[in-house]
mmCIF file of all heavy atoms, coordinates in Angstrom:
data_MODEL
# 
_entry.id   MODEL 
# 
loop_
_atom_site.group_PDB 
_atom_site.id 
_atom_site.type_symbol 
_atom_site.label_atom_id 
_atom_site.label_alt_id 
_atom_site.label_comp_id 
_atom_site.label_asym_id 
_atom_site.label_entity_id 
_atom_site.label_seq_id 
_atom_site.pdbx_PDB_ins_code 
_atom_site.Cartn_x 
_atom_site.Cartn_y 
_atom_site.Cartn_z 
_atom_site.occupancy 
_atom_site.B_iso_or_equiv 
_atom_site.pdbx_formal_charge 
_atom_site.auth_seq_id 
_atom_site.auth_comp_id 
_atom_site.auth_asym_id 
_atom_site.auth_atom_id 
_atom_site.pdbx_PDB_model_num 
ATOM 1   N N   . ILE A 1 1  ? 119.663 84.109  114.934 1.00 0.00 ? 1  ILE A N   1 
ATOM 2   C CA  . ILE A 1 1  ? 119.776 85.415  114.236 1.00 0.00 ? 1  ILE A CA  1 
ATOM 3   C C   . ILE A 1 1  ? 120.382 85.188  112.863 1.00 0.00 ? 1  ILE A C   1 
ATOM 4   O O   . ILE A 1 1  ? 121.473 84.733  112.716 1.00 0.00 ? 1  ILE A O   1 
ATOM 5   C CB  . ILE A 1 1  ? 120.635 86.373  115.063 1.00 0.00 ? 1  ILE A CB  1 
ATOM 6   C CG1 . ILE A 1 1  ? 120.050 86.573  116.462 1.00 0.00 ? 1  ILE A CG1 1 
ATOM 7   C CG2 . ILE A 1 1  ? 120.764 87.702  114.336 1.00 0.00 ? 1  ILE A CG2 1 
ATOM 8   C CD1 . ILE A 1 1  ? 120.970 87.309  117.404 1.00 0.00 ? 1  ILE A CD1 1 
ATOM 9   N N   . ARG A 1 2  ? 119.618 85.588  111.802 1.00 0.00 ? 2  ARG A N   1 
ATOM 10  C CA  . ARG A 1 2  ? 120.124 85.484  110.449 1.00 0.00 ? 2  ARG A CA  1 
ATOM 11  C C   . ARG A 1 2  ? 120.431 86.831  109.878 1.00 0.00 ? 2  ARG A C   1 
ATOM 12  O O   . ARG A 1 2  ? 119.579 87.460  109.194 1.00 0.00 ? 2  ARG A O   1 
ATOM 13  C CB  . ARG A 1 2  ? 119.082 84.691  109.625 1.00 0.00 ? 2  ARG A CB  1 
ATOM 14  C CG  . ARG A 1 2  ? 118.862 83.264  110.107 1.00 0.00 ? 2  ARG A CG  1 
ATOM 15  C CD  . ARG A 1 2  ? 118.088 82.434  109.125 1.00 0.00 ? 2  ARG A CD  1 
ATOM 16  N NE  . ARG A 1 2  ? 116.705 82.742  109.063 1.00 0.00 ? 2  ARG A NE  1 
ATOM 17  C CZ  . ARG A 1 2  ? 115.793 82.044  108.354 1.00 0.00 ? 2  ARG A CZ  1 
ATOM 18  N NH1 . ARG A 1 2  ? 116.173 80.984  107.691 1.00 0.00 ? 2  ARG A NH1 1 
ATOM 19  N NH2 . ARG A 1 2  ? 114.549 82.404  108.383 1.00 0.00 ? 2  ARG A NH2 1 
ATOM 20  N N   . THR A 1 3  ? 121.635 87.273  110.185 1.00 0.00 ? 3  THR A N   1 
ATOM 21  C CA  . THR A 1 3  ? 122.040 88.661  109.831 1.00 0.00 ? 3  THR A CA  1 
ATOM 22  C C   . THR A 1 3  ? 121.995 88.859  108.355 1.00 0.00 ? 3  THR A C   1 
ATOM 23  O O   . THR A 1 3  ? 121.537 89.952  107.877 1.00 0.00 ? 3  THR A O   1 
ATOM 24  C CB  . THR A 1 3  ? 123.469 88.932  110.382 1.00 0.00 ? 3  THR A CB  1 
ATOM 25  O OG1 . THR A 1 3  ? 123.484 88.693  111.799 1.00 0.00 ? 3  THR A OG1 1 
ATOM 26  C CG2 . THR A 1 3  ? 123.883 90.362  110.089 1.00 0.00 ? 3  THR A CG2 1 
ATOM 27  N N   . GLU A 1 4  ? 122.437 87.923  107.540 1.00 0.00 ? 4  GLU A N   1 
ATOM 28  C CA  . GLU A 1 4  ? 122.466 88.117  106.114 1.00 0.00 ? 4  GLU A CA  1 
ATOM 29  C C   . GLU A 1 4  ? 121.050 88.373  105.584 1.00 0.00 ? 4  GLU A C   1 
ATOM 30  O O   . GLU A 1 4  ? 120.839 89.214  104.691 1.00 0.00 ? 4  GLU A O   1 
ATOM 31  C CB  . GLU A 1 4  ? 123.134 86.943  105.393 1.00 0.00 ? 4  GLU A CB  1 
ATOM 32  C CG  . GLU A 1 4  ? 123.353 87.193  103.904 1.00 0.00 ? 4  GLU A CG  1 
ATOM 33  C CD  . GLU A 1 4  ? 124.245 86.157  103.293 1.00 0.00 ? 4  GLU A CD  1 
ATOM 34  O OE1 . GLU A 1 4  ? 124.494 85.088  103.912 1.00 0.00 ? 4  GLU A OE1 1 
ATOM 35  O OE2 . GLU A 1 4  ? 124.709 86.348  102.135 1.00 0.00 ? 4  GLU A OE2 1 
ATOM 36  N N   . ARG A 1 5  ? 120.096 87.620  106.072 1.00 0.00 ? 5  ARG A N   1 
ATOM 37  C CA  . ARG A 1 5  ? 118.722 87.859  105.647 1.00 0.00 ? 5  ARG A CA  1 
ATOM 38  C C   . ARG A 1 5  ? 118.218 89.166  106.106 1.00 0.00 ? 5  ARG A C   1 
ATOM 39  O O   . ARG A 1 5  ? 117.445 89.881  105.349 1.00 0.00 ? 5  ARG A O   1 
ATOM 40  C CB  . ARG A 1 5  ? 117.804 86.714  106.157 1.00 0.00 ? 5  ARG A CB  1 
ATOM 41  C CG  . ARG A 1 5  ? 117.979 85.386  105.467 1.00 0.00 ? 5  ARG A CG  1 
ATOM 42  C CD  . ARG A 1 5  ? 117.130 84.357  106.126 1.00 0.00 ? 5  ARG A CD  1 
ATOM 43  N NE  . ARG A 1 5  ? 115.732 84.642  106.055 1.00 0.00 ? 5  ARG A NE  1 
ATOM 44  C CZ  . ARG A 1 5  ? 114.862 84.036  105.249 1.00 0.00 ? 5  ARG A CZ  1 
ATOM 45  N NH1 . ARG A 1 5  ? 115.271 83.084  104.408 1.00 0.00 ? 5  ARG A NH1 1 
ATOM 46  N NH2 . ARG A 1 5  ? 113.577 84.335  105.272 1.00 0.00 ? 5  ARG A NH2 1 
ATOM 47  N N   . MET A 1 6  ? 118.589 89.644  107.277 1.00 0.00 ? 6  MET A N   1 
ATOM 48  C CA  . MET A 1 6  ? 118.181 90.961  107.756 1.00 0.00 ? 6  MET A CA  1 
ATOM 49  C C   . MET A 1 6  ? 118.769 92.047  106.813 1.00 0.00 ? 6  MET A C   1 
ATOM 50  O O   . MET A 1 6  ? 118.092 92.987  106.452 1.00 0.00 ? 6  MET A O   1 
ATOM 51  C CB  . MET A 1 6  ? 118.670 91.178  109.185 1.00 0.00 ? 6  MET A CB  1 
ATOM 52  C CG  . MET A 1 6  ? 117.930 90.354  110.213 1.00 0.00 ? 6  MET A CG  1 
ATOM 53  S SD  . MET A 1 6  ? 118.646 90.611  111.902 1.00 0.00 ? 6  MET A SD  1 
ATOM 54  C CE  . MET A 1 6  ? 118.348 92.373  112.151 1.00 0.00 ? 6  MET A CE  1 
ATOM 55  N N   . VAL A 1 7  ? 120.045 91.897  106.441 1.00 0.00 ? 7  VAL A N   1 
ATOM 56  C CA  . VAL A 1 7  ? 120.713 92.836  105.560 1.00 0.00 ? 7  VAL A CA  1 
ATOM 57  C C   . VAL A 1 7  ? 119.949 92.927  104.185 1.00 0.00 ? 7  VAL A C   1 
ATOM 58  O O   . VAL A 1 7  ? 119.694 93.980  103.666 1.00 0.00 ? 7  VAL A O   1 
ATOM 59  C CB  . VAL A 1 7  ? 122.174 92.503  105.384 1.00 0.00 ? 7  VAL A CB  1 
ATOM 60  C CG1 . VAL A 1 7  ? 122.820 93.329  104.288 1.00 0.00 ? 7  VAL A CG1 1 
ATOM 61  C CG2 . VAL A 1 7  ? 122.939 92.744  106.713 1.00 0.00 ? 7  VAL A CG2 1 
ATOM 62  N N   . GLY A 1 8  ? 119.694 91.755  103.640 1.00 0.00 ? 8  GLY A N   1 
ATOM 63  C CA  . GLY A 1 8  ? 119.028 91.753  102.342 1.00 0.00 ? 8  GLY A CA  1 
ATOM 64  C C   . GLY A 1 8  ? 117.617 92.354  102.442 1.00 0.00 ? 8  GLY A C   1 
ATOM 65  O O   . GLY A 1 8  ? 117.200 93.089  101.548 1.00 0.00 ? 8  GLY A O   1 
ATOM 66  N N   . HIS A 1 9  ? 116.942 92.047  103.473 1.00 0.00 ? 9  HIS A N   1 
ATOM 67  C CA  . HIS A 1 9  ? 115.531 92.591  103.698 1.00 0.00 ? 9  HIS A CA  1 
ATOM 68  C C   . HIS A 1 9  ? 115.662 94.084  103.879 1.00 0.00 ? 9  HIS A C   1 
ATOM 69  O O   . HIS A 1 9  ? 114.830 94.894  103.265 1.00 0.00 ? 9  HIS A O   1 
ATOM 70  C CB  . HIS A 1 9  ? 114.941 91.929  104.936 1.00 0.00 ? 9  HIS A CB  1 
ATOM 71  C CG  . HIS A 1 9  ? 113.490 92.175  105.056 1.00 0.00 ? 9  HIS A CG  1 
ATOM 72  N ND1 . HIS A 1 9  ? 112.703 91.502  105.982 1.00 0.00 ? 9  HIS A ND1 1 
ATOM 73  C CD2 . HIS A 1 9  ? 112.644 93.003  104.438 1.00 0.00 ? 9  HIS A CD2 1 
ATOM 74  C CE1 . HIS A 1 9  ? 111.470 91.870  105.896 1.00 0.00 ? 9  HIS A CE1 1 
ATOM 75  N NE2 . HIS A 1 9  ? 111.396 92.837  104.987 1.00 0.00 ? 9  HIS A NE2 1 
ATOM 76  N N   . ALA A 1 10 ? 116.589 94.608  104.690 1.00 0.00 ? 10 ALA A N   1 
ATOM 77  C CA  . ALA A 1 10 ? 116.754 96.025  104.924 1.00 0.00 ? 10 ALA A CA  1 
ATOM 78  C C   . ALA A 1 10 ? 116.974 96.718  103.606 1.00 0.00 ? 10 ALA A C   1 
ATOM 79  O O   . ALA A 1 10 ? 116.457 97.815  103.354 1.00 0.00 ? 10 ALA A O   1 
ATOM 80  C CB  . ALA A 1 10 ? 117.868 96.301  105.927 1.00 0.00 ? 10 ALA A CB  1 
ATOM 81  N N   . ALA A 1 11 ? 117.863 96.185  102.776 1.00 0.00 ? 11 ALA A N   1 
ATOM 82  C CA  . ALA A 1 11 ? 118.238 96.805  101.515 1.00 0.00 ? 11 ALA A CA  1 
ATOM 83  C C   . ALA A 1 11 ? 117.071 96.924  100.542 1.00 0.00 ? 11 ALA A C   1 
ATOM 84  O O   . ALA A 1 11 ? 117.059 97.818  99.675  1.00 0.00 ? 11 ALA A O   1 
ATOM 85  C CB  . ALA A 1 11 ? 119.406 96.060  100.860 1.00 0.00 ? 11 ALA A CB  1 
ATOM 86  N N   . SER A 1 12 ? 116.124 96.023  100.663 1.00 0.00 ? 12 SER A N   1 
ATOM 87  C CA  . SER A 1 12 ? 114.989 96.041  99.743  1.00 0.00 ? 12 SER A CA  1 
ATOM 88  C C   . SER A 1 12 ? 113.884 97.010  100.143 1.00 0.00 ? 12 SER A C   1 
ATOM 89  O O   . SER A 1 12 ? 112.965 97.279  99.304  1.00 0.00 ? 12 SER A O   1 
ATOM 90  C CB  . SER A 1 12 ? 114.358 94.641  99.696  1.00 0.00 ? 12 SER A CB  1 
ATOM 91  O OG  . SER A 1 12 ? 113.636 94.329  100.885 1.00 0.00 ? 12 SER A OG  1 
ATOM 92  N N   . LEU A 1 13 ? 113.945 97.579  101.343 1.00 0.00 ? 13 LEU A N   1 
ATOM 93  C CA  . LEU A 1 13 ? 112.801 98.398  101.832 1.00 0.00 ? 13 LEU A CA  1 
ATOM 94  C C   . LEU A 1 13 ? 112.799 99.805  101.290 1.00 0.00 ? 13 LEU A C   1 
ATOM 95  O O   . LEU A 1 13 ? 113.843 100.478 101.220 1.00 0.00 ? 13 LEU A O   1 
ATOM 96  C CB  . LEU A 1 13 ? 112.858 98.464  103.344 1.00 0.00 ? 13 LEU A CB  1 
ATOM 97  C CG  . LEU A 1 13 ? 112.596 97.135  104.114 1.00 0.00 ? 13 LEU A CG  1 
ATOM 98  C CD1 . LEU A 1 13 ? 112.785 97.418  105.634 1.00 0.00 ? 13 LEU A CD1 1 
ATOM 99  C CD2 . LEU A 1 13 ? 111.192 96.620  103.879 1.00 0.00 ? 13 LEU A CD2 1 
ATOM 100 N N   . THR A 1 14 ? 111.634 100.234 100.835 1.00 0.00 ? 14 THR A N   1 
ATOM 101 C CA  . THR A 1 14 ? 111.405 101.629 100.541 1.00 0.00 ? 14 THR A CA  1 
ATOM 102 C C   . THR A 1 14 ? 110.372 102.128 101.545 1.00 0.00 ? 14 THR A C   1 
ATOM 103 O O   . THR A 1 14 ? 109.714 101.345 102.285 1.00 0.00 ? 14 THR A O   1 
ATOM 104 C CB  . THR A 1 14 ? 110.803 101.780 99.136  1.00 0.00 ? 14 THR A CB  1 
ATOM 105 O OG1 . THR A 1 14 ? 109.509 101.197 99.069  1.00 0.00 ? 14 THR A OG1 1 
ATOM 106 C CG2 . THR A 1 14 ? 111.706 101.101 98.071  1.00 0.00 ? 14 THR A CG2 1 
ATOM 107 N N   . PRO A 1 15 ? 110.169 103.429 101.659 1.00 0.00 ? 15 PRO A N   1 
ATOM 108 C CA  . PRO A 1 15 ? 109.208 103.902 102.646 1.00 0.00 ? 15 PRO A CA  1 
ATOM 109 C C   . PRO A 1 15 ? 107.819 103.251 102.490 1.00 0.00 ? 15 PRO A C   1 
ATOM 110 O O   . PRO A 1 15 ? 107.171 103.035 103.528 1.00 0.00 ? 15 PRO A O   1 
ATOM 111 C CB  . PRO A 1 15 ? 109.158 105.427 102.379 1.00 0.00 ? 15 PRO A CB  1 
ATOM 112 C CG  . PRO A 1 15 ? 110.565 105.735 101.947 1.00 0.00 ? 15 PRO A CG  1 
ATOM 113 C CD  . PRO A 1 15 ? 110.963 104.548 101.106 1.00 0.00 ? 15 PRO A CD  1 
ATOM 114 N N   . SER A 1 16 ? 107.409 102.968 101.297 1.00 0.00 ? 16 SER A N   1 
ATOM 115 C CA  . SER A 1 16 ? 106.055 102.359 101.116 1.00 0.00 ? 16 SER A CA  1 
ATOM 116 C C   . SER A 1 16 ? 106.016 100.904 101.582 1.00 0.00 ? 16 SER A C   1 
ATOM 117 O O   . SER A 1 16 ? 104.921 100.341 101.694 1.00 0.00 ? 16 SER A O   1 
ATOM 118 C CB  . SER A 1 16 ? 105.686 102.454 99.647  1.00 0.00 ? 16 SER A CB  1 
ATOM 119 O OG  . SER A 1 16 ? 106.551 101.707 98.844  1.00 0.00 ? 16 SER A OG  1 
ATOM 120 N N   . ASP A 1 17 ? 107.155 100.327 101.903 1.00 0.00 ? 17 ASP A N   1 
ATOM 121 C CA  . ASP A 1 17 ? 107.215 98.897  102.396 1.00 0.00 ? 17 ASP A CA  1 
ATOM 122 C C   . ASP A 1 17 ? 107.168 98.879  103.910 1.00 0.00 ? 17 ASP A C   1 
ATOM 123 O O   . ASP A 1 17 ? 107.278 97.774  104.484 1.00 0.00 ? 17 ASP A O   1 
ATOM 124 C CB  . ASP A 1 17 ? 108.490 98.227  101.943 1.00 0.00 ? 17 ASP A CB  1 
ATOM 125 C CG  . ASP A 1 17 ? 108.566 98.109  100.450 1.00 0.00 ? 17 ASP A CG  1 
ATOM 126 O OD1 . ASP A 1 17 ? 107.509 97.781  99.822  1.00 0.00 ? 17 ASP A OD1 1 
ATOM 127 O OD2 . ASP A 1 17 ? 109.635 98.356  99.884  1.00 0.00 ? 17 ASP A OD2 1 
ATOM 128 N N   . ILE A 1 18 ? 107.065 100.014 104.596 1.00 0.00 ? 18 ILE A N   1 
ATOM 129 C CA  . ILE A 1 18 ? 107.200 100.036 106.043 1.00 0.00 ? 18 ILE A CA  1 
ATOM 130 C C   . ILE A 1 18 ? 105.883 100.358 106.694 1.00 0.00 ? 18 ILE A C   1 
ATOM 131 O O   . ILE A 1 18 ? 105.288 101.387 106.440 1.00 0.00 ? 18 ILE A O   1 
ATOM 132 C CB  . ILE A 1 18 ? 108.266 101.080 106.486 1.00 0.00 ? 18 ILE A CB  1 
ATOM 133 C CG1 . ILE A 1 18 ? 109.645 100.634 105.881 1.00 0.00 ? 18 ILE A CG1 1 
ATOM 134 C CG2 . ILE A 1 18 ? 108.342 101.212 107.990 1.00 0.00 ? 18 ILE A CG2 1 
ATOM 135 C CD1 . ILE A 1 18 ? 110.688 101.736 105.939 1.00 0.00 ? 18 ILE A CD1 1 
ATOM 136 N N   . ALA A 1 19 ? 105.370 99.425  107.508 1.00 0.00 ? 19 ALA A N   1 
ATOM 137 C CA  . ALA A 1 19 ? 104.129 99.636  108.259 1.00 0.00 ? 19 ALA A CA  1 
ATOM 138 C C   . ALA A 1 19 ? 104.432 100.481 109.458 1.00 0.00 ? 19 ALA A C   1 
ATOM 139 O O   . ALA A 1 19 ? 105.542 100.445 110.005 1.00 0.00 ? 19 ALA A O   1 
ATOM 140 C CB  . ALA A 1 19 ? 103.535 98.283  108.612 1.00 0.00 ? 19 ALA A CB  1 
ATOM 141 N N   . PRO A 1 20 ? 103.466 101.264 109.966 1.00 0.00 ? 20 PRO A N   1 
ATOM 142 C CA  . PRO A 1 20 ? 103.727 102.140 111.106 1.00 0.00 ? 20 PRO A CA  1 
ATOM 143 C C   . PRO A 1 20 ? 103.838 101.389 112.402 1.00 0.00 ? 20 PRO A C   1 
ATOM 144 O O   . PRO A 1 20 ? 103.471 100.197 112.502 1.00 0.00 ? 20 PRO A O   1 
ATOM 145 C CB  . PRO A 1 20 ? 102.486 103.045 111.104 1.00 0.00 ? 20 PRO A CB  1 
ATOM 146 C CG  . PRO A 1 20 ? 101.412 102.218 110.489 1.00 0.00 ? 20 PRO A CG  1 
ATOM 147 C CD  . PRO A 1 20 ? 102.097 101.405 109.437 1.00 0.00 ? 20 PRO A CD  1 
ATOM 148 N N   . MET A 1 21 ? 104.260 102.101 113.397 1.00 0.00 ? 21 MET A N   1 
ATOM 149 C CA  . MET A 1 21 ? 104.321 101.553 114.783 1.00 0.00 ? 21 MET A CA  1 
ATOM 150 C C   . MET A 1 21 ? 102.945 101.628 115.442 1.00 0.00 ? 21 MET A C   1 
ATOM 151 O O   . MET A 1 21 ? 102.315 102.690 115.388 1.00 0.00 ? 21 MET A O   1 
ATOM 152 C CB  . MET A 1 21 ? 105.353 102.378 115.592 1.00 0.00 ? 21 MET A CB  1 
ATOM 153 C CG  . MET A 1 21 ? 105.538 101.911 117.047 1.00 0.00 ? 21 MET A CG  1 
ATOM 154 S SD  . MET A 1 21 ? 106.560 103.054 117.968 1.00 0.00 ? 21 MET A SD  1 
ATOM 155 C CE  . MET A 1 21 ? 105.379 104.384 118.280 1.00 0.00 ? 21 MET A CE  1 
ATOM 156 N N   . VAL A 1 22 ? 102.465 100.507 115.990 1.00 0.00 ? 22 VAL A N   1 
ATOM 157 C CA  . VAL A 1 22 ? 101.158 100.495 116.609 1.00 0.00 ? 22 VAL A CA  1 
ATOM 158 C C   . VAL A 1 22 ? 101.238 101.248 117.974 1.00 0.00 ? 22 VAL A C   1 
ATOM 159 O O   . VAL A 1 22 ? 102.085 100.945 118.812 1.00 0.00 ? 22 VAL A O   1 
ATOM 160 C CB  . VAL A 1 22 ? 100.675 99.096  116.871 1.00 0.00 ? 22 VAL A CB  1 
ATOM 161 C CG1 . VAL A 1 22 ? 99.381  99.075  117.661 1.00 0.00 ? 22 VAL A CG1 1 
ATOM 162 C CG2 . VAL A 1 22 ? 100.481 98.355  115.521 1.00 0.00 ? 22 VAL A CG2 1 
ATOM 163 N N   . ARG A 1 23 ? 100.321 102.172 118.145 1.00 0.00 ? 23 ARG A N   1 
ATOM 164 C CA  . ARG A 1 23 ? 100.227 102.913 119.434 1.00 0.00 ? 23 ARG A CA  1 
ATOM 165 C C   . ARG A 1 23 ? 98.942  102.496 120.125 1.00 0.00 ? 23 ARG A C   1 
ATOM 166 O O   . ARG A 1 23 ? 97.836  102.754 119.615 1.00 0.00 ? 23 ARG A O   1 
ATOM 167 C CB  . ARG A 1 23 ? 100.216 104.430 119.175 1.00 0.00 ? 23 ARG A CB  1 
ATOM 168 C CG  . ARG A 1 23 ? 101.558 104.929 118.568 1.00 0.00 ? 23 ARG A CG  1 
ATOM 169 C CD  . ARG A 1 23 ? 101.465 106.439 118.271 1.00 0.00 ? 23 ARG A CD  1 
ATOM 170 N NE  . ARG A 1 23 ? 102.669 106.916 117.648 1.00 0.00 ? 23 ARG A NE  1 
ATOM 171 C CZ  . ARG A 1 23 ? 103.708 107.438 118.244 1.00 0.00 ? 23 ARG A CZ  1 
ATOM 172 N NH1 . ARG A 1 23 ? 103.655 107.590 119.583 1.00 0.00 ? 23 ARG A NH1 1 
ATOM 173 N NH2 . ARG A 1 23 ? 104.765 107.856 117.602 1.00 0.00 ? 23 ARG A NH2 1 
ATOM 174 N N   . LEU A 1 24 ? 99.110  101.875 121.294 1.00 0.00 ? 24 LEU A N   1 
ATOM 175 C CA  . LEU A 1 24 ? 97.948  101.293 121.972 1.00 0.00 ? 24 LEU A CA  1 
ATOM 176 C C   . LEU A 1 24 ? 97.508  102.217 123.094 1.00 0.00 ? 24 LEU A C   1 
ATOM 177 O O   . LEU A 1 24 ? 98.296  102.974 123.662 1.00 0.00 ? 24 LEU A O   1 
ATOM 178 C CB  . LEU A 1 24 ? 98.325  99.936  122.580 1.00 0.00 ? 24 LEU A CB  1 
ATOM 179 C CG  . LEU A 1 24 ? 98.678  98.799  121.616 1.00 0.00 ? 24 LEU A CG  1 
ATOM 180 C CD1 . LEU A 1 24 ? 99.232  97.603  122.391 1.00 0.00 ? 24 LEU A CD1 1 
ATOM 181 C CD2 . LEU A 1 24 ? 97.463  98.404  120.821 1.00 0.00 ? 24 LEU A CD2 1 
ATOM 182 N N   . SER A 1 25 ? 96.218  102.096 123.428 1.00 0.00 ? 25 SER A N   1 
ATOM 183 C CA  . SER A 1 25 ? 95.686  102.762 124.645 1.00 0.00 ? 25 SER A CA  1 
ATOM 184 C C   . SER A 1 25 ? 94.607  101.863 125.194 1.00 0.00 ? 25 SER A C   1 
ATOM 185 O O   . SER A 1 25 ? 94.023  101.015 124.483 1.00 0.00 ? 25 SER A O   1 
ATOM 186 C CB  . SER A 1 25 ? 95.081  104.123 124.344 1.00 0.00 ? 25 SER A CB  1 
ATOM 187 O OG  . SER A 1 25 ? 94.017  103.997 123.416 1.00 0.00 ? 25 SER A OG  1 
ATOM 188 N N   . VAL A 1 26 ? 94.373  101.986 126.491 1.00 0.00 ? 26 VAL A N   1 
ATOM 189 C CA  . VAL A 1 26 ? 93.386  101.122 127.237 1.00 0.00 ? 26 VAL A CA  1 
ATOM 190 C C   . VAL A 1 26 ? 92.072  101.889 127.270 1.00 0.00 ? 26 VAL A C   1 
ATOM 191 O O   . VAL A 1 26 ? 92.049  102.987 127.845 1.00 0.00 ? 26 VAL A O   1 
ATOM 192 C CB  . VAL A 1 26 ? 93.887  100.791 128.609 1.00 0.00 ? 26 VAL A CB  1 
ATOM 193 C CG1 . VAL A 1 26 ? 92.858  99.886  129.348 1.00 0.00 ? 26 VAL A CG1 1 
ATOM 194 C CG2 . VAL A 1 26 ? 95.247  100.060 128.524 1.00 0.00 ? 26 VAL A CG2 1 
ATOM 195 N N   . GLN A 1 27 ? 91.026  101.340 126.737 1.00 0.00 ? 27 GLN A N   1 
ATOM 196 C CA  . GLN A 1 27 ? 89.696  101.972 126.801 1.00 0.00 ? 27 GLN A CA  1 
ATOM 197 C C   . GLN A 1 27 ? 88.897  101.458 128.028 1.00 0.00 ? 27 GLN A C   1 
ATOM 198 O O   . GLN A 1 27 ? 88.162  102.223 128.620 1.00 0.00 ? 27 GLN A O   1 
ATOM 199 C CB  . GLN A 1 27 ? 88.926  101.714 125.503 1.00 0.00 ? 27 GLN A CB  1 
ATOM 200 C CG  . GLN A 1 27 ? 89.458  102.493 124.301 1.00 0.00 ? 27 GLN A CG  1 
ATOM 201 C CD  . GLN A 1 27 ? 88.576  102.404 123.101 1.00 0.00 ? 27 GLN A CD  1 
ATOM 202 O OE1 . GLN A 1 27 ? 87.852  101.401 122.932 1.00 0.00 ? 27 GLN A OE1 1 
ATOM 203 N NE2 . GLN A 1 27 ? 88.645  103.365 122.214 1.00 0.00 ? 27 GLN A NE2 1 
ATOM 204 N N   . GLU A 1 28 ? 88.989  100.163 128.251 1.00 0.00 ? 28 GLU A N   1 
ATOM 205 C CA  . GLU A 1 28 ? 88.330  99.607  129.437 1.00 0.00 ? 28 GLU A CA  1 
ATOM 206 C C   . GLU A 1 28 ? 89.319  98.635  130.096 1.00 0.00 ? 28 GLU A C   1 
ATOM 207 O O   . GLU A 1 28 ? 89.959  97.844  129.382 1.00 0.00 ? 28 GLU A O   1 
ATOM 208 C CB  . GLU A 1 28 ? 87.084  98.825  129.055 1.00 0.00 ? 28 GLU A CB  1 
ATOM 209 C CG  . GLU A 1 28 ? 85.946  99.714  128.510 1.00 0.00 ? 28 GLU A CG  1 
ATOM 210 C CD  . GLU A 1 28 ? 84.655  98.929  128.179 1.00 0.00 ? 28 GLU A CD  1 
ATOM 211 O OE1 . GLU A 1 28 ? 84.607  97.718  128.583 1.00 0.00 ? 28 GLU A OE1 1 
ATOM 212 O OE2 . GLU A 1 28 ? 83.787  99.450  127.536 1.00 0.00 ? 28 GLU A OE2 1 
ATOM 213 N N   . ASP A 1 29 ? 89.438  98.696  131.427 1.00 0.00 ? 29 ASP A N   1 
ATOM 214 C CA  . ASP A 1 29 ? 90.395  97.876  132.094 1.00 0.00 ? 29 ASP A CA  1 
ATOM 215 C C   . ASP A 1 29 ? 89.805  97.171  133.261 1.00 0.00 ? 29 ASP A C   1 
ATOM 216 O O   . ASP A 1 29 ? 89.384  97.750  134.245 1.00 0.00 ? 29 ASP A O   1 
ATOM 217 C CB  . ASP A 1 29 ? 91.522  98.845  132.598 1.00 0.00 ? 29 ASP A CB  1 
ATOM 218 C CG  . ASP A 1 29 ? 92.809  98.076  132.977 1.00 0.00 ? 29 ASP A CG  1 
ATOM 219 O OD1 . ASP A 1 29 ? 92.752  96.823  133.067 1.00 0.00 ? 29 ASP A OD1 1 
ATOM 220 O OD2 . ASP A 1 29 ? 93.855  98.699  133.145 1.00 0.00 ? 29 ASP A OD2 1 
ATOM 221 N N   . GLY A 1 30 ? 89.758  95.845  133.176 1.00 0.00 ? 30 GLY A N   1 
ATOM 222 C CA  . GLY A 1 30 ? 89.270  95.014  134.275 1.00 0.00 ? 30 GLY A CA  1 
ATOM 223 C C   . GLY A 1 30 ? 90.301  94.744  135.346 1.00 0.00 ? 30 GLY A C   1 
ATOM 224 O O   . GLY A 1 30 ? 90.005  94.088  136.335 1.00 0.00 ? 30 GLY A O   1 
# 
């Protein structure tokens, strides 16, 4: 765990730098 890198990365983020959460569903299930 590299906390300092996490802190630096978090501080750099703007809303446009954040990808959404993937929402999955099953269409066909074997």
